[in-house]
Amino acid sequence: MCQSLCPDGLGESSFSWGTSFFHYPEKQKFIMGNQTQSGSHIQQGDTMVPELRDVTAGCPLRIDREGRWYYEGNEIINPLVLKAFCDALEQGPDGRFRIVIPPEVCYVEVEDTPFVVSSIRGDPKTGLFLRLNSLDTYPLEPEKLVIGDDNVLYTTLPSGMRVRFSRAAYYALALMMEEGADGTIVLKIRDTTYPVYRPTEEPPAG
C-alpha cells in the first residue's frame, strides 16, 4: 500500500501528501474501488478472496478522539483524501478498522470511534442533522443518543456504526437539552421529548 495508498514524494506536510496522492489517477482508482489487481487468493467460507499483505508498519494511519486523521504524526487536512479514506474504511472480522486496497491492507489506529459528529445542523423545531468527519450528513435520531464514560455522547448510524460527538458538537447539542421533572436529561425535537440515557440504563417499557 506504500505503492497504492501512500504516494511517493511525500512532502513535509499532510497537505502536500494529499496533493501528491490525487496526482496519481491509478491510486484514486484503488481507493475508490474502481480497479482490481490479480494475486494470490485464500479460502474464506465458500468464497475465494485476495490474500492481503499487511503494510501497516510502513503506512501508519491514526484517528484521534475528535475524528482527526493523522499520517506519520501529521494531520491530514486535504478534504479529498479525508473523504476517500473515510469511504474506504471498513471494520474487519477481528473488529479492527482497516483500509483495503488489494493486494494490501493498512490497519488504522482508532482512539475511540472512527466516525465523529463534528457539528450539528438544523433546528429542534424542524429536525437536527449530524455532520460527520467523513463529510457525510445524517438526520439525528434522538432515541439513539447515549451518554458514555466521562460524559461522552454517542449515537448510532443507520449502518449500526457507533459514532462519538466531538466536544463542539456535544456542547452545541447540550444547549438544546433540558432537565425533566424527574431529573432526566431530555431533548425536545418537533414537539416530542426524548430522554437521553446512559448505556447501562433501560428506557421505560411501552
N, C-alpha and C. Protein backbone atom coordinates (compact mmCIF):
# COMPACT_ATOMS: atom_id res chain seq x y z
N MET A 1 0.83 -1.20 0.00
CA MET A 1 0.00 0.00 0.00
C MET A 1 0.86 1.24 0.00
N CYS A 2 2.16 1.07 0.28
CA CYS A 2 3.04 2.20 0.12
C CYS A 2 3.15 2.54 -1.36
N GLN A 3 2.76 1.58 -2.25
CA GLN A 3 2.65 1.90 -3.66
C GLN A 3 1.24 2.37 -4.00
N SER A 4 0.23 1.77 -3.35
CA SER A 4 -1.15 2.05 -3.71
C SER A 4 -1.76 3.17 -2.89
N LEU A 5 -1.39 3.23 -1.60
CA LEU A 5 -2.04 4.16 -0.69
C LEU A 5 -1.16 5.33 -0.33
N CYS A 6 0.08 5.06 0.06
CA CYS A 6 0.98 6.12 0.48
C CYS A 6 1.84 6.52 -0.71
N PRO A 7 1.57 7.66 -1.32
CA PRO A 7 2.24 8.02 -2.57
C PRO A 7 3.70 8.35 -2.37
N ASP A 8 4.44 8.22 -3.47
CA ASP A 8 5.84 8.63 -3.44
C ASP A 8 5.90 10.16 -3.36
N GLY A 9 7.04 10.66 -2.94
CA GLY A 9 7.21 12.10 -2.91
C GLY A 9 6.45 12.76 -1.79
N LEU A 10 6.30 12.08 -0.65
CA LEU A 10 5.59 12.65 0.49
C LEU A 10 6.32 13.88 0.96
N GLY A 11 5.60 14.99 1.03
CA GLY A 11 6.20 16.24 1.48
C GLY A 11 6.24 16.32 2.99
N GLU A 12 6.65 17.46 3.51
CA GLU A 12 6.78 17.62 4.95
C GLU A 12 5.42 17.79 5.62
N SER A 13 4.41 18.21 4.88
CA SER A 13 3.10 18.42 5.47
C SER A 13 2.10 17.44 4.90
N SER A 14 1.02 17.22 5.64
CA SER A 14 -0.01 16.31 5.16
C SER A 14 -0.72 16.88 3.94
N PHE A 15 -0.74 18.21 3.80
CA PHE A 15 -1.40 18.79 2.64
C PHE A 15 -0.66 18.41 1.37
N SER A 16 0.67 18.47 1.40
CA SER A 16 1.43 18.10 0.21
C SER A 16 1.27 16.63 -0.10
N TRP A 17 1.09 15.81 0.98
CA TRP A 17 0.84 14.38 0.75
C TRP A 17 -0.48 14.21 0.03
N GLY A 18 -1.52 14.91 0.49
CA GLY A 18 -2.82 14.79 -0.13
C GLY A 18 -2.80 15.25 -1.58
N THR A 19 -2.10 16.36 -1.84
CA THR A 19 -2.00 16.86 -3.21
C THR A 19 -1.28 15.85 -4.08
N SER A 20 -0.19 15.29 -3.57
CA SER A 20 0.57 14.29 -4.32
C SER A 20 -0.30 13.08 -4.63
N PHE A 21 -1.07 12.64 -3.62
CA PHE A 21 -1.91 11.46 -3.79
C PHE A 21 -2.87 11.62 -4.96
N PHE A 22 -3.51 12.77 -5.06
CA PHE A 22 -4.51 12.94 -6.10
C PHE A 22 -3.92 13.37 -7.44
N HIS A 23 -2.61 13.33 -7.56
CA HIS A 23 -1.98 13.48 -8.87
C HIS A 23 -1.72 12.13 -9.50
N TYR A 24 -2.10 11.04 -8.79
CA TYR A 24 -1.88 9.69 -9.28
C TYR A 24 -3.23 9.05 -9.57
N PRO A 25 -3.71 9.09 -10.83
CA PRO A 25 -5.04 8.54 -11.14
C PRO A 25 -5.20 7.09 -10.74
N GLU A 26 -4.14 6.28 -10.91
CA GLU A 26 -4.28 4.86 -10.58
C GLU A 26 -4.51 4.68 -9.09
N LYS A 27 -3.99 5.57 -8.25
CA LYS A 27 -4.18 5.47 -6.81
C LYS A 27 -5.58 5.91 -6.43
N GLN A 28 -6.12 6.89 -7.15
CA GLN A 28 -7.51 7.26 -6.92
C GLN A 28 -8.42 6.07 -7.20
N LYS A 29 -8.14 5.36 -8.30
CA LYS A 29 -8.98 4.23 -8.66
C LYS A 29 -8.92 3.14 -7.60
N PHE A 30 -7.72 2.91 -7.05
CA PHE A 30 -7.60 1.92 -5.98
C PHE A 30 -8.48 2.30 -4.80
N ILE A 31 -8.36 3.54 -4.34
CA ILE A 31 -9.11 4.00 -3.17
C ILE A 31 -10.61 3.94 -3.42
N MET A 32 -11.04 4.35 -4.61
CA MET A 32 -12.46 4.41 -4.90
C MET A 32 -13.04 3.05 -5.27
N GLY A 33 -12.20 2.04 -5.36
CA GLY A 33 -12.70 0.70 -5.63
C GLY A 33 -13.02 0.44 -7.08
N ASN A 34 -12.42 1.19 -7.99
CA ASN A 34 -12.72 1.03 -9.41
C ASN A 34 -11.67 0.20 -10.13
N GLN A 35 -10.72 -0.36 -9.39
CA GLN A 35 -9.66 -1.12 -10.05
C GLN A 35 -9.38 -2.37 -9.22
N THR A 36 -9.16 -3.47 -9.89
CA THR A 36 -8.81 -4.70 -9.20
C THR A 36 -7.41 -5.11 -9.59
N GLN A 37 -6.83 -5.95 -8.76
CA GLN A 37 -5.46 -6.38 -9.04
C GLN A 37 -5.38 -7.87 -8.77
N SER A 38 -4.77 -8.59 -9.69
CA SER A 38 -4.65 -10.03 -9.54
C SER A 38 -3.60 -10.36 -8.50
N GLY A 39 -3.67 -11.57 -7.97
CA GLY A 39 -2.72 -12.01 -6.96
C GLY A 39 -3.20 -13.29 -6.34
N SER A 40 -2.52 -13.75 -5.29
CA SER A 40 -2.91 -14.98 -4.63
C SER A 40 -4.20 -14.78 -3.85
N HIS A 41 -4.95 -15.88 -3.70
CA HIS A 41 -6.23 -15.84 -3.01
C HIS A 41 -6.24 -16.90 -1.91
N ILE A 42 -7.11 -16.67 -0.93
CA ILE A 42 -7.30 -17.63 0.14
C ILE A 42 -8.79 -17.95 0.26
N GLN A 43 -9.08 -19.10 0.83
CA GLN A 43 -10.47 -19.52 1.00
C GLN A 43 -11.05 -18.86 2.25
N GLN A 44 -12.21 -18.20 2.10
CA GLN A 44 -12.92 -17.61 3.23
C GLN A 44 -14.37 -18.05 3.12
N GLY A 45 -14.72 -19.10 3.88
CA GLY A 45 -16.04 -19.69 3.73
C GLY A 45 -16.14 -20.36 2.38
N ASP A 46 -17.16 -19.98 1.61
CA ASP A 46 -17.34 -20.55 0.27
C ASP A 46 -16.75 -19.65 -0.81
N THR A 47 -16.03 -18.61 -0.40
CA THR A 47 -15.55 -17.62 -1.35
C THR A 47 -14.03 -17.53 -1.34
N MET A 48 -13.46 -17.37 -2.53
CA MET A 48 -12.04 -17.12 -2.64
C MET A 48 -11.82 -15.61 -2.61
N VAL A 49 -11.02 -15.14 -1.66
CA VAL A 49 -10.77 -13.71 -1.53
C VAL A 49 -9.27 -13.46 -1.67
N PRO A 50 -8.88 -12.24 -2.11
CA PRO A 50 -7.45 -11.96 -2.27
C PRO A 50 -6.70 -12.07 -0.94
N GLU A 51 -5.52 -12.66 -0.98
CA GLU A 51 -4.68 -12.69 0.21
C GLU A 51 -4.00 -11.33 0.35
N LEU A 52 -4.19 -10.71 1.50
CA LEU A 52 -3.74 -9.34 1.69
C LEU A 52 -2.40 -9.28 2.42
N ARG A 53 -1.56 -8.38 1.98
CA ARG A 53 -0.27 -8.15 2.62
C ARG A 53 -0.40 -6.95 3.56
N ASP A 54 -0.07 -7.15 4.83
CA ASP A 54 -0.19 -6.10 5.84
C ASP A 54 0.97 -5.13 5.72
N VAL A 55 0.66 -3.87 5.37
CA VAL A 55 1.70 -2.85 5.21
C VAL A 55 1.54 -1.72 6.22
N THR A 56 0.86 -2.03 7.34
CA THR A 56 0.57 -1.00 8.34
C THR A 56 1.84 -0.33 8.85
N ALA A 57 2.90 -1.11 9.05
CA ALA A 57 4.13 -0.56 9.61
C ALA A 57 4.71 0.54 8.73
N GLY A 58 4.53 0.43 7.43
CA GLY A 58 5.08 1.42 6.52
C GLY A 58 4.11 2.51 6.14
N CYS A 59 2.90 2.45 6.64
CA CYS A 59 1.87 3.43 6.28
C CYS A 59 0.99 3.71 7.50
N PRO A 60 1.56 4.26 8.58
CA PRO A 60 0.81 4.42 9.83
C PRO A 60 -0.28 5.48 9.74
N LEU A 61 -1.50 5.06 9.99
CA LEU A 61 -2.65 5.97 10.00
C LEU A 61 -3.32 5.90 11.36
N ARG A 62 -3.79 7.06 11.85
CA ARG A 62 -4.42 7.12 13.16
C ARG A 62 -5.58 8.10 13.14
N ILE A 63 -6.64 7.78 13.88
CA ILE A 63 -7.77 8.69 14.05
C ILE A 63 -7.89 8.99 15.53
N ASP A 64 -7.84 10.28 15.91
CA ASP A 64 -7.92 10.61 17.32
C ASP A 64 -9.38 10.71 17.78
N ARG A 65 -9.58 11.04 19.05
CA ARG A 65 -10.92 11.06 19.63
C ARG A 65 -11.83 12.11 19.01
N GLU A 66 -11.24 13.13 18.40
CA GLU A 66 -12.03 14.17 17.78
C GLU A 66 -12.25 13.92 16.29
N GLY A 67 -11.85 12.74 15.82
CA GLY A 67 -12.09 12.37 14.43
C GLY A 67 -11.06 12.89 13.45
N ARG A 68 -9.93 13.38 13.95
CA ARG A 68 -8.88 13.88 13.07
C ARG A 68 -7.98 12.72 12.63
N TRP A 69 -7.67 12.69 11.34
CA TRP A 69 -6.80 11.66 10.77
C TRP A 69 -5.35 12.14 10.77
N TYR A 70 -4.43 11.19 11.04
CA TYR A 70 -3.00 11.51 11.03
C TYR A 70 -2.24 10.46 10.23
N TYR A 71 -1.23 10.93 9.54
CA TYR A 71 -0.29 10.05 8.84
C TYR A 71 1.11 10.39 9.33
N GLU A 72 1.78 9.43 9.93
CA GLU A 72 3.12 9.63 10.49
C GLU A 72 3.15 10.84 11.43
N GLY A 73 2.08 11.03 12.20
CA GLY A 73 2.03 12.12 13.17
C GLY A 73 1.56 13.44 12.61
N ASN A 74 1.41 13.56 11.30
CA ASN A 74 0.94 14.79 10.67
C ASN A 74 -0.55 14.71 10.37
N GLU A 75 -1.29 15.74 10.75
CA GLU A 75 -2.72 15.72 10.49
C GLU A 75 -3.00 15.82 8.99
N ILE A 76 -3.91 14.99 8.52
CA ILE A 76 -4.34 15.02 7.12
C ILE A 76 -5.43 16.06 6.99
N ILE A 77 -5.21 17.07 6.17
CA ILE A 77 -6.17 18.16 6.07
C ILE A 77 -6.79 18.28 4.68
N ASN A 78 -6.27 17.54 3.72
CA ASN A 78 -6.84 17.59 2.37
C ASN A 78 -8.21 16.92 2.38
N PRO A 79 -9.30 17.65 2.08
CA PRO A 79 -10.64 17.07 2.17
C PRO A 79 -10.88 15.91 1.22
N LEU A 80 -10.22 15.91 0.07
CA LEU A 80 -10.39 14.81 -0.88
C LEU A 80 -9.80 13.52 -0.33
N VAL A 81 -8.63 13.63 0.29
CA VAL A 81 -8.00 12.46 0.89
C VAL A 81 -8.82 11.96 2.07
N LEU A 82 -9.27 12.89 2.92
CA LEU A 82 -10.08 12.51 4.07
C LEU A 82 -11.34 11.78 3.64
N LYS A 83 -12.02 12.30 2.63
CA LYS A 83 -13.25 11.68 2.16
C LYS A 83 -12.96 10.29 1.59
N ALA A 84 -11.89 10.17 0.83
CA ALA A 84 -11.54 8.88 0.24
C ALA A 84 -11.23 7.85 1.31
N PHE A 85 -10.47 8.25 2.32
CA PHE A 85 -10.12 7.32 3.40
C PHE A 85 -11.36 6.92 4.20
N CYS A 86 -12.21 7.90 4.53
CA CYS A 86 -13.43 7.59 5.29
C CYS A 86 -14.33 6.63 4.52
N ASP A 87 -14.44 6.84 3.22
CA ASP A 87 -15.29 5.97 2.40
C ASP A 87 -14.70 4.57 2.29
N ALA A 88 -13.38 4.47 2.30
CA ALA A 88 -12.72 3.17 2.14
C ALA A 88 -12.58 2.42 3.46
N LEU A 89 -12.77 3.10 4.58
CA LEU A 89 -12.57 2.47 5.88
C LEU A 89 -13.62 1.39 6.13
N GLU A 90 -13.17 0.27 6.65
CA GLU A 90 -14.08 -0.82 6.99
C GLU A 90 -13.61 -1.48 8.28
N GLN A 91 -14.52 -2.23 8.89
CA GLN A 91 -14.18 -2.98 10.10
C GLN A 91 -14.01 -4.43 9.73
N GLY A 92 -12.83 -4.97 10.00
CA GLY A 92 -12.53 -6.34 9.64
C GLY A 92 -13.18 -7.35 10.56
N PRO A 93 -13.08 -8.63 10.23
CA PRO A 93 -13.67 -9.69 11.05
C PRO A 93 -13.15 -9.71 12.48
N ASP A 94 -11.93 -9.19 12.68
CA ASP A 94 -11.35 -9.18 14.02
C ASP A 94 -11.72 -7.93 14.81
N GLY A 95 -12.58 -7.06 14.21
CA GLY A 95 -13.03 -5.86 14.89
C GLY A 95 -12.15 -4.65 14.66
N ARG A 96 -10.97 -4.85 14.05
CA ARG A 96 -10.08 -3.72 13.80
C ARG A 96 -10.51 -2.98 12.53
N PHE A 97 -10.23 -1.69 12.51
CA PHE A 97 -10.56 -0.88 11.35
C PHE A 97 -9.38 -0.88 10.38
N ARG A 98 -9.71 -0.87 9.10
CA ARG A 98 -8.66 -1.01 8.09
C ARG A 98 -9.09 -0.39 6.78
N ILE A 99 -8.09 -0.13 5.94
CA ILE A 99 -8.32 0.27 4.55
C ILE A 99 -7.71 -0.82 3.69
N VAL A 100 -8.52 -1.39 2.82
CA VAL A 100 -8.07 -2.49 1.97
C VAL A 100 -7.97 -2.01 0.53
N ILE A 101 -6.78 -2.15 -0.03
CA ILE A 101 -6.55 -1.89 -1.45
C ILE A 101 -5.78 -3.09 -1.96
N PRO A 102 -6.49 -4.13 -2.47
CA PRO A 102 -5.82 -5.36 -2.87
C PRO A 102 -4.60 -5.08 -3.74
N PRO A 103 -3.49 -5.74 -3.44
CA PRO A 103 -3.35 -6.87 -2.51
C PRO A 103 -2.86 -6.45 -1.12
N GLU A 104 -3.09 -5.20 -0.72
CA GLU A 104 -2.54 -4.72 0.54
C GLU A 104 -3.64 -4.26 1.50
N VAL A 105 -3.31 -4.30 2.79
CA VAL A 105 -4.23 -3.82 3.82
C VAL A 105 -3.43 -2.97 4.81
N CYS A 106 -4.03 -1.87 5.22
CA CYS A 106 -3.41 -1.00 6.21
C CYS A 106 -4.40 -0.84 7.36
N TYR A 107 -4.01 -1.26 8.56
CA TYR A 107 -4.87 -1.12 9.73
C TYR A 107 -4.73 0.28 10.30
N VAL A 108 -5.86 0.83 10.72
CA VAL A 108 -5.91 2.21 11.20
C VAL A 108 -6.09 2.20 12.72
N GLU A 109 -5.22 2.90 13.41
CA GLU A 109 -5.35 3.03 14.87
C GLU A 109 -6.47 4.01 15.18
N VAL A 110 -7.45 3.58 15.95
CA VAL A 110 -8.61 4.41 16.27
C VAL A 110 -8.70 4.57 17.78
N GLU A 111 -8.64 5.81 18.27
CA GLU A 111 -8.65 6.05 19.71
C GLU A 111 -10.01 5.74 20.34
N ASP A 112 -11.09 6.01 19.61
CA ASP A 112 -12.42 5.71 20.15
C ASP A 112 -13.30 5.19 19.02
N THR A 113 -13.95 6.08 18.29
CA THR A 113 -14.74 5.68 17.13
C THR A 113 -14.15 6.35 15.88
N PRO A 114 -14.17 5.68 14.73
CA PRO A 114 -13.58 6.28 13.54
C PRO A 114 -14.38 7.46 13.01
N PHE A 115 -15.69 7.41 13.22
CA PHE A 115 -16.53 8.50 12.75
C PHE A 115 -17.01 9.33 13.93
N VAL A 116 -16.92 10.65 13.77
CA VAL A 116 -17.20 11.58 14.86
C VAL A 116 -18.14 12.67 14.33
N VAL A 117 -19.12 13.03 15.15
CA VAL A 117 -20.00 14.14 14.81
C VAL A 117 -19.22 15.43 15.01
N SER A 118 -18.98 16.16 13.94
CA SER A 118 -18.19 17.38 14.03
C SER A 118 -19.04 18.62 14.26
N SER A 119 -20.30 18.59 13.82
CA SER A 119 -21.17 19.75 14.02
C SER A 119 -22.64 19.33 13.95
N ILE A 120 -23.50 20.20 14.48
CA ILE A 120 -24.95 19.99 14.48
C ILE A 120 -25.57 21.02 13.54
N ARG A 121 -26.48 20.58 12.71
CA ARG A 121 -27.16 21.49 11.79
C ARG A 121 -28.67 21.36 11.96
N GLY A 122 -29.38 22.38 11.55
CA GLY A 122 -30.83 22.34 11.65
C GLY A 122 -31.34 23.02 12.90
N ASP A 123 -32.60 22.75 13.21
CA ASP A 123 -33.28 23.39 14.34
C ASP A 123 -34.16 22.36 15.03
N PRO A 124 -34.24 22.38 16.38
CA PRO A 124 -35.08 21.40 17.09
C PRO A 124 -36.54 21.42 16.65
N LYS A 125 -37.01 22.53 16.17
CA LYS A 125 -38.42 22.63 15.77
C LYS A 125 -38.70 21.89 14.47
N THR A 126 -37.68 21.78 13.63
CA THR A 126 -37.88 21.14 12.32
C THR A 126 -37.05 19.87 12.14
N GLY A 127 -36.08 19.66 13.00
CA GLY A 127 -35.22 18.49 12.89
C GLY A 127 -33.75 18.86 12.88
N LEU A 128 -32.94 18.00 13.48
CA LEU A 128 -31.50 18.24 13.55
C LEU A 128 -30.74 17.24 12.68
N PHE A 129 -29.58 17.67 12.22
CA PHE A 129 -28.75 16.83 11.36
C PHE A 129 -27.32 16.80 11.89
N LEU A 130 -26.68 15.65 11.72
CA LEU A 130 -25.32 15.44 12.19
C LEU A 130 -24.34 15.50 11.02
N ARG A 131 -23.36 16.35 11.12
CA ARG A 131 -22.29 16.43 10.13
C ARG A 131 -21.09 15.68 10.68
N LEU A 132 -20.63 14.66 9.96
CA LEU A 132 -19.55 13.82 10.45
C LEU A 132 -18.19 14.26 9.90
N ASN A 133 -17.14 13.73 10.51
CA ASN A 133 -15.79 13.99 10.00
C ASN A 133 -15.58 13.38 8.62
N SER A 134 -16.47 12.48 8.21
CA SER A 134 -16.42 11.89 6.87
C SER A 134 -17.04 12.80 5.82
N LEU A 135 -17.57 13.95 6.26
CA LEU A 135 -18.26 14.94 5.43
C LEU A 135 -19.66 14.48 5.04
N ASP A 136 -20.13 13.37 5.61
CA ASP A 136 -21.50 12.91 5.39
C ASP A 136 -22.43 13.55 6.41
N THR A 137 -23.71 13.64 6.06
CA THR A 137 -24.72 14.22 6.95
C THR A 137 -25.85 13.23 7.15
N TYR A 138 -26.26 13.06 8.40
CA TYR A 138 -27.34 12.14 8.76
C TYR A 138 -28.35 12.86 9.66
N PRO A 139 -29.64 12.53 9.53
CA PRO A 139 -30.61 13.09 10.48
C PRO A 139 -30.35 12.54 11.88
N LEU A 140 -30.49 13.39 12.88
CA LEU A 140 -30.33 12.94 14.26
C LEU A 140 -31.53 12.11 14.67
N GLU A 141 -31.26 10.92 15.20
CA GLU A 141 -32.30 10.08 15.78
C GLU A 141 -32.14 10.14 17.30
N PRO A 142 -32.88 11.04 17.96
CA PRO A 142 -32.64 11.29 19.38
C PRO A 142 -32.81 10.09 20.28
N GLU A 143 -33.62 9.11 19.86
CA GLU A 143 -33.81 7.92 20.69
C GLU A 143 -32.55 7.06 20.75
N LYS A 144 -31.57 7.34 19.89
CA LYS A 144 -30.33 6.56 19.88
C LYS A 144 -29.20 7.22 20.66
N LEU A 145 -29.45 8.38 21.25
CA LEU A 145 -28.42 9.07 22.00
C LEU A 145 -28.15 8.37 23.32
N VAL A 146 -26.88 8.18 23.64
CA VAL A 146 -26.49 7.61 24.93
C VAL A 146 -25.28 8.37 25.46
N ILE A 147 -25.18 8.47 26.77
CA ILE A 147 -24.05 9.12 27.41
C ILE A 147 -23.13 8.04 27.96
N GLY A 148 -21.90 8.02 27.48
CA GLY A 148 -20.95 7.00 27.90
C GLY A 148 -20.07 7.46 29.04
N ASP A 149 -18.94 6.77 29.20
CA ASP A 149 -17.99 7.13 30.24
C ASP A 149 -17.48 8.55 30.03
N ASP A 150 -17.16 9.21 31.14
CA ASP A 150 -16.65 10.58 31.11
C ASP A 150 -17.63 11.54 30.44
N ASN A 151 -18.93 11.18 30.49
CA ASN A 151 -20.00 12.02 29.93
C ASN A 151 -19.82 12.29 28.43
N VAL A 152 -19.27 11.32 27.72
CA VAL A 152 -19.13 11.44 26.27
C VAL A 152 -20.44 11.01 25.62
N LEU A 153 -20.90 11.77 24.65
CA LEU A 153 -22.16 11.49 23.98
C LEU A 153 -21.91 10.67 22.71
N TYR A 154 -22.74 9.64 22.51
CA TYR A 154 -22.65 8.78 21.33
C TYR A 154 -24.02 8.63 20.69
N THR A 155 -24.00 8.24 19.43
CA THR A 155 -25.22 7.81 18.75
C THR A 155 -24.83 6.68 17.80
N THR A 156 -25.81 6.14 17.09
CA THR A 156 -25.58 5.03 16.17
C THR A 156 -26.12 5.40 14.80
N LEU A 157 -25.33 5.16 13.76
CA LEU A 157 -25.75 5.43 12.39
C LEU A 157 -26.70 4.33 11.91
N PRO A 158 -27.44 4.58 10.83
CA PRO A 158 -28.31 3.53 10.27
C PRO A 158 -27.58 2.23 9.97
N SER A 159 -26.29 2.32 9.67
CA SER A 159 -25.49 1.12 9.38
C SER A 159 -25.18 0.31 10.63
N GLY A 160 -25.44 0.89 11.80
CA GLY A 160 -25.09 0.24 13.06
C GLY A 160 -23.77 0.71 13.63
N MET A 161 -23.05 1.55 12.90
CA MET A 161 -21.77 2.06 13.36
C MET A 161 -21.97 3.08 14.48
N ARG A 162 -21.23 2.89 15.56
CA ARG A 162 -21.29 3.82 16.68
C ARG A 162 -20.43 5.04 16.38
N VAL A 163 -20.95 6.23 16.69
CA VAL A 163 -20.19 7.46 16.45
C VAL A 163 -20.16 8.30 17.72
N ARG A 164 -19.08 8.99 17.89
CA ARG A 164 -18.86 9.85 19.05
C ARG A 164 -19.10 11.31 18.66
N PHE A 165 -19.64 12.08 19.58
CA PHE A 165 -19.80 13.51 19.37
C PHE A 165 -18.50 14.22 19.74
N SER A 166 -18.05 15.11 18.87
CA SER A 166 -16.91 15.95 19.22
C SER A 166 -17.32 16.89 20.35
N ARG A 167 -16.36 17.51 20.98
CA ARG A 167 -16.68 18.44 22.06
C ARG A 167 -17.59 19.56 21.57
N ALA A 168 -17.24 20.12 20.40
CA ALA A 168 -18.03 21.23 19.87
C ALA A 168 -19.46 20.80 19.59
N ALA A 169 -19.63 19.61 18.98
CA ALA A 169 -20.98 19.14 18.66
C ALA A 169 -21.76 18.81 19.93
N TYR A 170 -21.09 18.23 20.91
CA TYR A 170 -21.74 17.90 22.18
C TYR A 170 -22.22 19.16 22.88
N TYR A 171 -21.37 20.17 22.94
CA TYR A 171 -21.75 21.42 23.60
C TYR A 171 -22.92 22.07 22.88
N ALA A 172 -22.89 22.03 21.54
CA ALA A 172 -23.98 22.63 20.77
C ALA A 172 -25.30 21.93 21.05
N LEU A 173 -25.27 20.58 21.13
CA LEU A 173 -26.50 19.84 21.40
C LEU A 173 -26.92 19.99 22.86
N ALA A 174 -25.95 20.08 23.76
CA ALA A 174 -26.26 20.22 25.19
C ALA A 174 -27.04 21.49 25.46
N LEU A 175 -26.79 22.53 24.69
CA LEU A 175 -27.52 23.78 24.87
C LEU A 175 -29.00 23.63 24.54
N MET A 176 -29.34 22.58 23.80
CA MET A 176 -30.73 22.34 23.43
C MET A 176 -31.41 21.37 24.39
N MET A 177 -30.65 20.77 25.31
CA MET A 177 -31.22 19.80 26.24
C MET A 177 -31.80 20.49 27.47
N GLU A 178 -32.71 19.79 28.13
CA GLU A 178 -33.34 20.30 29.34
C GLU A 178 -33.35 19.20 30.40
N GLU A 179 -33.62 19.59 31.62
CA GLU A 179 -33.78 18.62 32.69
C GLU A 179 -35.25 18.38 32.94
N GLY A 180 -35.67 17.12 32.85
CA GLY A 180 -37.07 16.78 33.06
C GLY A 180 -37.47 16.86 34.53
N ALA A 181 -38.77 16.66 34.78
CA ALA A 181 -39.30 16.76 36.14
C ALA A 181 -38.66 15.75 37.08
N ASP A 182 -38.28 14.59 36.55
CA ASP A 182 -37.67 13.55 37.39
C ASP A 182 -36.15 13.62 37.39
N GLY A 183 -35.60 14.69 36.83
CA GLY A 183 -34.15 14.86 36.79
C GLY A 183 -33.49 14.29 35.57
N THR A 184 -34.25 13.62 34.71
CA THR A 184 -33.71 13.05 33.48
C THR A 184 -33.37 14.15 32.48
N ILE A 185 -32.25 14.01 31.81
CA ILE A 185 -31.89 14.94 30.75
C ILE A 185 -32.68 14.58 29.50
N VAL A 186 -33.34 15.56 28.90
CA VAL A 186 -34.19 15.29 27.75
C VAL A 186 -33.85 16.24 26.61
N LEU A 187 -34.22 15.81 25.41
CA LEU A 187 -34.05 16.62 24.21
C LEU A 187 -35.39 16.67 23.50
N LYS A 188 -35.84 17.86 23.20
CA LYS A 188 -37.15 18.02 22.56
C LYS A 188 -36.96 18.33 21.08
N ILE A 189 -37.49 17.44 20.23
CA ILE A 189 -37.39 17.58 18.78
C ILE A 189 -38.80 17.48 18.19
N ARG A 190 -39.20 18.50 17.43
CA ARG A 190 -40.52 18.52 16.79
C ARG A 190 -41.63 18.20 17.80
N ASP A 191 -41.59 18.86 18.93
CA ASP A 191 -42.62 18.72 19.97
C ASP A 191 -42.65 17.35 20.63
N THR A 192 -41.64 16.52 20.39
CA THR A 192 -41.53 15.23 21.07
C THR A 192 -40.32 15.26 21.99
N THR A 193 -40.51 14.80 23.22
CA THR A 193 -39.45 14.82 24.22
C THR A 193 -38.78 13.46 24.31
N TYR A 194 -37.46 13.45 24.18
CA TYR A 194 -36.69 12.20 24.21
C TYR A 194 -35.71 12.23 25.39
N PRO A 195 -35.79 11.23 26.29
CA PRO A 195 -34.78 11.14 27.35
C PRO A 195 -33.43 10.72 26.75
N VAL A 196 -32.36 11.21 27.34
CA VAL A 196 -31.02 10.82 26.94
C VAL A 196 -30.47 9.91 28.02
N TYR A 197 -30.18 8.64 27.68
CA TYR A 197 -29.83 7.62 28.66
C TYR A 197 -28.35 7.30 28.63
N ARG A 198 -27.90 6.77 29.76
CA ARG A 198 -26.59 6.15 29.81
C ARG A 198 -26.72 4.72 29.28
N PRO A 199 -25.63 4.12 28.78
CA PRO A 199 -25.72 2.77 28.21
C PRO A 199 -26.27 1.74 29.19
N THR A 200 -26.05 1.93 30.49
CA THR A 200 -26.50 0.94 31.48
C THR A 200 -27.96 1.10 31.85
N GLU A 201 -28.57 2.17 31.39
CA GLU A 201 -29.97 2.42 31.73
C GLU A 201 -30.89 1.83 30.67
N GLU A 202 -32.07 1.46 31.08
CA GLU A 202 -33.06 0.91 30.17
C GLU A 202 -34.22 1.89 30.04
N PRO A 203 -34.63 2.21 28.80
CA PRO A 203 -35.80 3.07 28.63
C PRO A 203 -37.02 2.43 29.26
N PRO A 204 -37.96 3.23 29.73
CA PRO A 204 -39.17 2.66 30.33
C PRO A 204 -39.96 1.85 29.32
N ALA A 205 -40.61 0.78 29.79
CA ALA A 205 -41.41 -0.08 28.91
C ALA A 205 -42.56 0.71 28.33
N GLY A 206 -42.92 0.33 27.10
CA GLY A 206 -44.05 0.98 26.46
C GLY A 206 -43.64 2.20 25.70
